[in-house]
Amino acid sequence: RHQVSERMTLTADTTLYLHYEESSPEFTMKCTVGGEALGAAAVLERFAHAYSKQTGSPLAPGGLHLRDSRGAAIACGALLPCGLSNGADLFVSVEGPPTADTAPQPQAAAPAPPA
């Protein structure tokens, strides 16, 4: 039996910049991926730890998501750098419950047909 490895060996280091700009304090972390690819979930965990340590404000890694500079989502299961170029900017966003402005509104009942 052959086992398939989820590890990907890289030929050169790739530096990525993760930015959190959704609320204050804003924060940027430099992340160098070298030797082997890193899972996006692991990078987000590192980011949350660094953010909390640097700013004193907690940031839970479980609700964080990555987007590239075009706004495309990067899956938590993705292996970074996943085709991103050296020096690429990634943006960290927080998943939150829907607010009153974004929550789906109940549909009004259709009027009853005339009898």
Foldseek 3Di string as FASTA:
>chain_A
DDDDDPKDFDPDKAWEKEWEDPDPPIDIDIDIDHGIFAFQLVVLVVVQVVCCVVPVDGDDSVFKWKAWPVRHTDDSRDTPPNPDHHYTYIYIDGDDDDDPVGDDDDDDDDDDDDD
